[in-house]
Amino acid sequence: METMTLFRSKRVIDAQQVILHDLIEQESKIGSKIFPVDPDVTSRKFFYLPSDTKDEWFYQQISSVPAKNFTNSYVITPHGIEKSSTFTDPADGRVKNVSSIPDAVEIKSLKLAATHYHNHIAQKIYNKPTNARRRFGLKSDYDLTA
């Protein structure tokens, strides 16, 4: 009986992971259409992944031009926003991972993309009215204009 309970729990966890993966893929397809068209880009993903301690936005671009390939992760906490970028360095062709604090222009662009993303997925996937501030956090949590 104990083995059966563990087996069921694993099946439930696996099913939850499949559902989460499918939702991220659906949201990502919609999110990727927010950005300008580039004929070299073959694939884009843009999605939101919340957790108990932080919010995380992912933006990945795959291109026929290796120098245009990158993955950016934006971690949003009550203390601010941190960016992690993985990209191919055009100087030596090696893949690099760099952490930084995005500047005000990039934060503004992320906020705009997050707002568009939320509006589109709320309507097209979840059939709900939009409320973009909830998905990006409250301004009182961190001041984006500082």
N, C-alpha and C. Protein backbone atom coordinates (compact mmCIF):
# COMPACT_ATOMS: atom_id res chain seq x y z
N MET A 1 0.82 -1.19 0.00
CA MET A 1 0.00 0.00 0.00
C MET A 1 0.87 1.26 0.00
N GLU A 2 1.93 1.26 0.78
CA GLU A 2 2.85 2.40 0.84
C GLU A 2 3.45 2.69 -0.54
N THR A 3 3.85 1.66 -1.27
CA THR A 3 4.42 1.82 -2.61
C THR A 3 3.41 2.45 -3.55
N MET A 4 2.16 2.02 -3.45
CA MET A 4 1.10 2.54 -4.30
C MET A 4 0.92 4.05 -4.06
N THR A 5 0.95 4.49 -2.81
CA THR A 5 0.81 5.91 -2.48
C THR A 5 1.96 6.72 -3.08
N LEU A 6 3.18 6.21 -2.96
CA LEU A 6 4.32 6.91 -3.53
C LEU A 6 4.21 6.98 -5.06
N PHE A 7 3.76 5.88 -5.65
CA PHE A 7 3.62 5.84 -7.10
C PHE A 7 2.58 6.86 -7.57
N ARG A 8 1.47 6.92 -6.91
CA ARG A 8 0.44 7.89 -7.27
C ARG A 8 0.96 9.31 -7.12
N SER A 9 1.66 9.56 -6.05
CA SER A 9 2.20 10.91 -5.83
C SER A 9 3.15 11.30 -6.94
N LYS A 10 4.00 10.38 -7.38
CA LYS A 10 4.92 10.67 -8.47
C LYS A 10 4.14 10.94 -9.75
N ARG A 11 3.09 10.17 -10.00
CA ARG A 11 2.28 10.40 -11.21
C ARG A 11 1.62 11.77 -11.17
N VAL A 12 1.14 12.16 -10.00
CA VAL A 12 0.51 13.48 -9.86
C VAL A 12 1.55 14.57 -10.10
N ILE A 13 2.72 14.42 -9.52
CA ILE A 13 3.79 15.40 -9.73
C ILE A 13 4.19 15.46 -11.20
N ASP A 14 4.34 14.31 -11.83
CA ASP A 14 4.67 14.28 -13.26
C ASP A 14 3.60 14.97 -14.08
N ALA A 15 2.34 14.72 -13.77
CA ALA A 15 1.23 15.35 -14.50
C ALA A 15 1.26 16.86 -14.31
N GLN A 16 1.54 17.31 -13.09
CA GLN A 16 1.63 18.75 -12.83
C GLN A 16 2.76 19.39 -13.63
N GLN A 17 3.88 18.69 -13.72
CA GLN A 17 5.02 19.20 -14.48
C GLN A 17 4.69 19.29 -15.96
N VAL A 18 3.97 18.30 -16.49
CA VAL A 18 3.57 18.32 -17.90
C VAL A 18 2.62 19.49 -18.15
N ILE A 19 1.67 19.69 -17.26
CA ILE A 19 0.72 20.80 -17.42
C ILE A 19 1.45 22.13 -17.36
N LEU A 20 2.35 22.28 -16.38
CA LEU A 20 3.12 23.53 -16.27
C LEU A 20 3.94 23.77 -17.53
N HIS A 21 4.61 22.72 -18.03
CA HIS A 21 5.40 22.84 -19.26
C HIS A 21 4.51 23.27 -20.43
N ASP A 22 3.34 22.67 -20.57
CA ASP A 22 2.42 23.02 -21.67
C ASP A 22 1.93 24.46 -21.55
N LEU A 23 1.62 24.90 -20.33
CA LEU A 23 1.19 26.29 -20.14
C LEU A 23 2.31 27.26 -20.49
N ILE A 24 3.53 26.95 -20.05
CA ILE A 24 4.67 27.82 -20.37
C ILE A 24 4.86 27.89 -21.88
N GLU A 25 4.74 26.76 -22.57
CA GLU A 25 4.89 26.76 -24.04
C GLU A 25 3.81 27.62 -24.70
N GLN A 26 2.57 27.49 -24.25
CA GLN A 26 1.48 28.29 -24.82
C GLN A 26 1.69 29.77 -24.53
N GLU A 27 2.03 30.09 -23.28
CA GLU A 27 2.26 31.48 -22.92
C GLU A 27 3.46 32.04 -23.68
N SER A 28 4.49 31.23 -23.85
CA SER A 28 5.70 31.66 -24.54
C SER A 28 5.45 31.97 -26.00
N LYS A 29 4.61 31.19 -26.66
CA LYS A 29 4.27 31.46 -28.07
C LYS A 29 3.61 32.82 -28.21
N ILE A 30 2.72 33.12 -27.29
CA ILE A 30 2.06 34.43 -27.32
C ILE A 30 3.06 35.52 -26.94
N GLY A 31 3.87 35.28 -25.90
CA GLY A 31 4.85 36.26 -25.46
C GLY A 31 5.89 36.58 -26.50
N SER A 32 6.25 35.60 -27.32
CA SER A 32 7.29 35.83 -28.33
C SER A 32 6.83 36.79 -29.43
N LYS A 33 5.53 36.95 -29.59
CA LYS A 33 5.00 37.83 -30.63
C LYS A 33 5.00 39.30 -30.23
N ILE A 34 5.39 39.58 -29.01
CA ILE A 34 5.44 40.96 -28.51
C ILE A 34 6.58 41.74 -29.15
N PHE A 35 7.66 41.04 -29.49
CA PHE A 35 8.90 41.69 -29.91
C PHE A 35 8.94 41.89 -31.43
N PRO A 36 9.74 42.86 -31.87
CA PRO A 36 9.84 43.14 -33.31
C PRO A 36 10.35 41.94 -34.10
N VAL A 37 9.92 41.85 -35.34
CA VAL A 37 10.33 40.76 -36.23
C VAL A 37 11.77 40.98 -36.68
N ASP A 38 12.56 39.92 -36.64
CA ASP A 38 13.93 39.92 -37.15
C ASP A 38 14.03 38.71 -38.07
N PRO A 39 14.37 38.91 -39.35
CA PRO A 39 14.39 37.78 -40.28
C PRO A 39 15.40 36.69 -39.91
N ASP A 40 16.42 37.01 -39.13
CA ASP A 40 17.41 36.01 -38.73
C ASP A 40 16.94 35.15 -37.56
N VAL A 41 15.95 35.63 -36.82
CA VAL A 41 15.49 34.92 -35.62
C VAL A 41 14.56 33.77 -36.02
N THR A 42 14.92 32.57 -35.57
CA THR A 42 14.12 31.39 -35.89
C THR A 42 13.18 30.99 -34.76
N SER A 43 13.48 31.43 -33.54
CA SER A 43 12.66 31.05 -32.40
C SER A 43 12.82 32.06 -31.28
N ARG A 44 11.70 32.34 -30.59
CA ARG A 44 11.73 33.21 -29.42
C ARG A 44 10.83 32.61 -28.35
N LYS A 45 11.22 32.82 -27.10
CA LYS A 45 10.38 32.45 -25.97
C LYS A 45 10.41 33.60 -24.99
N PHE A 46 9.25 33.95 -24.48
CA PHE A 46 9.15 34.97 -23.44
C PHE A 46 8.04 34.51 -22.50
N PHE A 47 8.39 34.28 -21.23
CA PHE A 47 7.38 33.83 -20.30
C PHE A 47 7.73 34.21 -18.87
N TYR A 48 6.72 34.08 -18.02
CA TYR A 48 6.78 34.44 -16.62
C TYR A 48 6.73 33.18 -15.77
N LEU A 49 7.55 33.11 -14.74
CA LEU A 49 7.57 31.95 -13.86
C LEU A 49 7.61 32.44 -12.40
N PRO A 50 6.46 32.46 -11.74
CA PRO A 50 6.43 32.94 -10.34
C PRO A 50 6.86 31.84 -9.36
N SER A 51 7.29 32.27 -8.20
CA SER A 51 7.57 31.33 -7.11
C SER A 51 7.22 32.04 -5.80
N ASP A 52 7.43 31.37 -4.69
CA ASP A 52 7.09 31.96 -3.40
C ASP A 52 8.00 33.13 -3.03
N THR A 53 9.23 33.12 -3.50
CA THR A 53 10.20 34.13 -3.06
C THR A 53 10.56 35.16 -4.13
N LYS A 54 10.21 34.90 -5.39
CA LYS A 54 10.61 35.81 -6.46
C LYS A 54 9.71 35.61 -7.68
N ASP A 55 9.78 36.54 -8.57
CA ASP A 55 9.16 36.42 -9.88
C ASP A 55 10.29 36.38 -10.90
N GLU A 56 10.13 35.57 -11.93
CA GLU A 56 11.19 35.46 -12.92
C GLU A 56 10.61 35.52 -14.32
N TRP A 57 11.23 36.34 -15.15
CA TRP A 57 10.87 36.46 -16.56
C TRP A 57 12.01 35.89 -17.38
N PHE A 58 11.67 35.13 -18.41
CA PHE A 58 12.66 34.55 -19.30
C PHE A 58 12.43 35.06 -20.71
N TYR A 59 13.51 35.42 -21.39
CA TYR A 59 13.45 35.82 -22.79
C TYR A 59 14.60 35.11 -23.50
N GLN A 60 14.25 34.24 -24.44
CA GLN A 60 15.26 33.49 -25.20
C GLN A 60 15.06 33.75 -26.68
N GLN A 61 16.16 33.94 -27.38
CA GLN A 61 16.13 34.15 -28.83
C GLN A 61 17.14 33.22 -29.48
N ILE A 62 16.67 32.48 -30.48
CA ILE A 62 17.53 31.61 -31.28
C ILE A 62 17.53 32.16 -32.69
N SER A 63 18.72 32.31 -33.25
CA SER A 63 18.86 32.95 -34.55
C SER A 63 19.77 32.12 -35.46
N SER A 64 19.63 32.35 -36.75
CA SER A 64 20.56 31.72 -37.70
C SER A 64 21.94 32.37 -37.62
N VAL A 65 22.02 33.53 -36.98
CA VAL A 65 23.28 34.23 -36.74
C VAL A 65 23.66 33.98 -35.27
N PRO A 66 24.69 33.17 -35.00
CA PRO A 66 25.02 32.81 -33.61
C PRO A 66 25.20 34.01 -32.67
N ALA A 67 25.67 35.12 -33.17
CA ALA A 67 25.89 36.28 -32.32
C ALA A 67 24.57 36.87 -31.79
N LYS A 68 23.45 36.50 -32.41
CA LYS A 68 22.14 37.01 -31.97
C LYS A 68 21.43 36.05 -31.02
N ASN A 69 22.06 34.92 -30.70
CA ASN A 69 21.46 33.97 -29.76
C ASN A 69 21.69 34.43 -28.33
N PHE A 70 20.65 34.40 -27.52
CA PHE A 70 20.81 34.73 -26.10
C PHE A 70 19.63 34.21 -25.29
N THR A 71 19.86 34.12 -23.99
CA THR A 71 18.80 33.86 -23.02
C THR A 71 18.99 34.85 -21.89
N ASN A 72 17.94 35.61 -21.60
CA ASN A 72 17.97 36.54 -20.48
C ASN A 72 16.96 36.07 -19.43
N SER A 73 17.38 36.11 -18.20
CA SER A 73 16.51 35.81 -17.08
C SER A 73 16.49 37.04 -16.18
N TYR A 74 15.29 37.52 -15.88
CA TYR A 74 15.13 38.68 -15.00
C TYR A 74 14.47 38.20 -13.72
N VAL A 75 15.18 38.29 -12.60
CA VAL A 75 14.65 37.88 -11.31
C VAL A 75 14.22 39.14 -10.57
N ILE A 76 12.94 39.16 -10.20
CA ILE A 76 12.37 40.32 -9.54
C ILE A 76 12.05 39.96 -8.10
N THR A 77 12.67 40.67 -7.19
CA THR A 77 12.46 40.47 -5.76
C THR A 77 12.06 41.81 -5.15
N PRO A 78 11.66 41.81 -3.90
CA PRO A 78 11.35 43.10 -3.26
C PRO A 78 12.55 44.04 -3.20
N HIS A 79 13.76 43.50 -3.41
CA HIS A 79 14.97 44.32 -3.33
C HIS A 79 15.42 44.87 -4.67
N GLY A 80 14.82 44.43 -5.77
CA GLY A 80 15.21 44.94 -7.08
C GLY A 80 15.14 43.87 -8.16
N ILE A 81 15.77 44.17 -9.28
CA ILE A 81 15.76 43.29 -10.44
C ILE A 81 17.20 42.91 -10.77
N GLU A 82 17.43 41.62 -10.97
CA GLU A 82 18.73 41.13 -11.39
C GLU A 82 18.57 40.44 -12.74
N LYS A 83 19.55 40.61 -13.60
CA LYS A 83 19.52 40.02 -14.94
C LYS A 83 20.68 39.05 -15.09
N SER A 84 20.38 37.90 -15.67
CA SER A 84 21.41 36.94 -16.02
C SER A 84 21.29 36.69 -17.52
N SER A 85 22.38 36.89 -18.25
CA SER A 85 22.39 36.71 -19.70
C SER A 85 23.36 35.62 -20.11
N THR A 86 22.88 34.75 -20.97
CA THR A 86 23.74 33.74 -21.59
C THR A 86 23.75 34.03 -23.08
N PHE A 87 24.95 34.17 -23.66
CA PHE A 87 25.07 34.55 -25.06
C PHE A 87 26.40 34.08 -25.62
N THR A 88 26.50 34.10 -26.93
CA THR A 88 27.76 33.77 -27.60
C THR A 88 28.54 35.05 -27.81
N ASP A 89 29.74 35.10 -27.29
CA ASP A 89 30.59 36.27 -27.44
C ASP A 89 31.13 36.30 -28.86
N PRO A 90 30.83 37.34 -29.63
CA PRO A 90 31.30 37.40 -31.02
C PRO A 90 32.82 37.47 -31.14
N ALA A 91 33.50 37.96 -30.10
CA ALA A 91 34.96 38.09 -30.17
C ALA A 91 35.67 36.74 -30.21
N ASP A 92 35.22 35.81 -29.35
CA ASP A 92 35.91 34.52 -29.30
C ASP A 92 35.00 33.32 -29.59
N GLY A 93 33.70 33.57 -29.82
CA GLY A 93 32.77 32.50 -30.16
C GLY A 93 32.39 31.60 -29.00
N ARG A 94 32.76 31.98 -27.78
CA ARG A 94 32.45 31.16 -26.60
C ARG A 94 31.14 31.62 -25.97
N VAL A 95 30.43 30.68 -25.36
CA VAL A 95 29.20 31.00 -24.65
C VAL A 95 29.57 31.58 -23.29
N LYS A 96 28.94 32.70 -22.94
CA LYS A 96 29.23 33.39 -21.69
C LYS A 96 27.94 33.59 -20.91
N ASN A 97 28.09 33.67 -19.60
CA ASN A 97 26.97 33.97 -18.72
C ASN A 97 27.37 35.15 -17.87
N VAL A 98 26.60 36.22 -17.94
CA VAL A 98 26.92 37.45 -17.24
C VAL A 98 25.72 37.88 -16.41
N SER A 99 25.97 38.22 -15.15
CA SER A 99 24.92 38.76 -14.28
C SER A 99 25.10 40.26 -14.16
N SER A 100 23.97 40.96 -14.13
CA SER A 100 24.04 42.42 -14.03
C SER A 100 22.73 42.96 -13.46
N ILE A 101 22.74 44.24 -13.22
CA ILE A 101 21.54 44.97 -12.83
C ILE A 101 21.11 45.75 -14.08
N PRO A 102 19.90 45.50 -14.60
CA PRO A 102 19.49 46.21 -15.82
C PRO A 102 19.34 47.71 -15.57
N ASP A 103 19.62 48.50 -16.61
CA ASP A 103 19.47 49.94 -16.48
C ASP A 103 17.99 50.32 -16.58
N ALA A 104 17.71 51.60 -16.37
CA ALA A 104 16.32 52.09 -16.33
C ALA A 104 15.59 51.85 -17.64
N VAL A 105 16.27 51.99 -18.77
CA VAL A 105 15.64 51.78 -20.07
C VAL A 105 15.24 50.31 -20.24
N GLU A 106 16.12 49.40 -19.85
CA GLU A 106 15.81 47.98 -19.97
C GLU A 106 14.68 47.57 -19.02
N ILE A 107 14.67 48.14 -17.82
CA ILE A 107 13.59 47.85 -16.87
C ILE A 107 12.26 48.35 -17.42
N LYS A 108 12.27 49.53 -18.01
CA LYS A 108 11.05 50.08 -18.62
C LYS A 108 10.57 49.16 -19.76
N SER A 109 11.50 48.68 -20.58
CA SER A 109 11.15 47.77 -21.68
C SER A 109 10.59 46.45 -21.14
N LEU A 110 11.20 45.93 -20.08
CA LEU A 110 10.71 44.70 -19.47
C LEU A 110 9.30 44.91 -18.92
N LYS A 111 9.09 46.01 -18.27
CA LYS A 111 7.75 46.30 -17.71
C LYS A 111 6.72 46.40 -18.83
N LEU A 112 7.06 47.05 -19.91
CA LEU A 112 6.15 47.17 -21.05
C LEU A 112 5.87 45.80 -21.67
N ALA A 113 6.92 44.99 -21.85
CA ALA A 113 6.75 43.63 -22.40
C ALA A 113 5.90 42.78 -21.46
N ALA A 114 6.13 42.90 -20.15
CA ALA A 114 5.35 42.13 -19.17
C ALA A 114 3.88 42.53 -19.21
N THR A 115 3.61 43.79 -19.37
CA THR A 115 2.23 44.27 -19.45
C THR A 115 1.55 43.71 -20.70
N HIS A 116 2.21 43.81 -21.85
CA HIS A 116 1.65 43.26 -23.09
C HIS A 116 1.45 41.75 -22.97
N TYR A 117 2.45 41.08 -22.42
CA TYR A 117 2.39 39.63 -22.23
C TYR A 117 1.15 39.27 -21.41
N HIS A 118 1.02 39.91 -20.26
CA HIS A 118 -0.11 39.58 -19.39
C HIS A 118 -1.44 39.84 -20.08
N ASN A 119 -1.56 40.97 -20.74
CA ASN A 119 -2.81 41.29 -21.44
C ASN A 119 -3.16 40.23 -22.48
N HIS A 120 -2.18 39.81 -23.25
CA HIS A 120 -2.43 38.83 -24.31
C HIS A 120 -2.74 37.44 -23.75
N ILE A 121 -1.97 36.97 -22.77
CA ILE A 121 -2.23 35.61 -22.28
C ILE A 121 -3.51 35.55 -21.45
N ALA A 122 -3.82 36.63 -20.73
CA ALA A 122 -5.06 36.64 -19.94
C ALA A 122 -6.27 36.47 -20.86
N GLN A 123 -6.22 37.12 -22.02
CA GLN A 123 -7.34 37.05 -22.96
C GLN A 123 -7.32 35.78 -23.79
N LYS A 124 -6.14 35.38 -24.28
CA LYS A 124 -6.08 34.28 -25.25
C LYS A 124 -5.99 32.89 -24.62
N ILE A 125 -5.45 32.77 -23.43
CA ILE A 125 -5.33 31.46 -22.80
C ILE A 125 -6.34 31.30 -21.66
N TYR A 126 -6.42 32.29 -20.80
CA TYR A 126 -7.22 32.14 -19.59
C TYR A 126 -8.59 32.81 -19.68
N ASN A 127 -8.84 33.56 -20.76
CA ASN A 127 -10.12 34.24 -20.96
C ASN A 127 -10.54 35.08 -19.75
N LYS A 128 -9.59 35.86 -19.25
CA LYS A 128 -9.84 36.70 -18.08
C LYS A 128 -9.59 38.16 -18.45
N PRO A 129 -10.23 39.07 -17.73
CA PRO A 129 -9.89 40.49 -17.94
C PRO A 129 -8.46 40.74 -17.49
N THR A 130 -7.85 41.74 -18.05
CA THR A 130 -6.44 42.00 -17.77
C THR A 130 -6.25 42.77 -16.48
N ASN A 131 -5.13 42.48 -15.82
CA ASN A 131 -4.71 43.18 -14.61
C ASN A 131 -3.19 43.07 -14.55
N ALA A 132 -2.50 43.82 -15.39
CA ALA A 132 -1.06 43.65 -15.59
C ALA A 132 -0.23 43.92 -14.34
N ARG A 133 -0.65 44.80 -13.48
CA ARG A 133 0.18 45.13 -12.32
C ARG A 133 0.35 43.93 -11.41
N ARG A 134 -0.63 43.04 -11.36
CA ARG A 134 -0.53 41.85 -10.51
C ARG A 134 0.60 40.94 -10.98
N ARG A 135 0.80 40.79 -12.28
CA ARG A 135 1.80 39.87 -12.80
C ARG A 135 3.21 40.45 -12.68
N PHE A 136 3.36 41.74 -12.67
CA PHE A 136 4.70 42.33 -12.61
C PHE A 136 5.06 42.74 -11.19
N GLY A 137 4.07 42.76 -10.32
CA GLY A 137 4.32 43.19 -8.95
C GLY A 137 3.78 44.60 -8.74
N LEU A 138 3.75 45.01 -7.53
CA LEU A 138 3.25 46.33 -7.20
C LEU A 138 4.40 47.32 -7.14
N LYS A 139 4.12 48.56 -7.54
CA LYS A 139 5.17 49.57 -7.53
C LYS A 139 5.71 49.78 -6.11
N SER A 140 4.86 49.55 -5.12
CA SER A 140 5.32 49.72 -3.75
C SER A 140 6.36 48.66 -3.37
N ASP A 141 6.39 47.52 -4.09
CA ASP A 141 7.39 46.49 -3.81
C ASP A 141 8.79 46.94 -4.18
N TYR A 142 8.89 47.67 -5.28
CA TYR A 142 10.17 48.19 -5.72
C TYR A 142 9.87 49.34 -6.68
N ASP A 143 10.62 50.40 -6.55
CA ASP A 143 10.37 51.60 -7.34
C ASP A 143 11.16 51.52 -8.63
N LEU A 144 10.48 51.39 -9.76
CA LEU A 144 11.17 51.25 -11.05
C LEU A 144 11.73 52.57 -11.57
N THR A 145 11.31 53.67 -10.99
CA THR A 145 11.80 54.97 -11.47
C THR A 145 13.01 55.44 -10.71
N ALA A 146 13.40 54.73 -9.67
CA ALA A 146 14.55 55.16 -8.86
C ALA A 146 15.85 54.99 -9.59
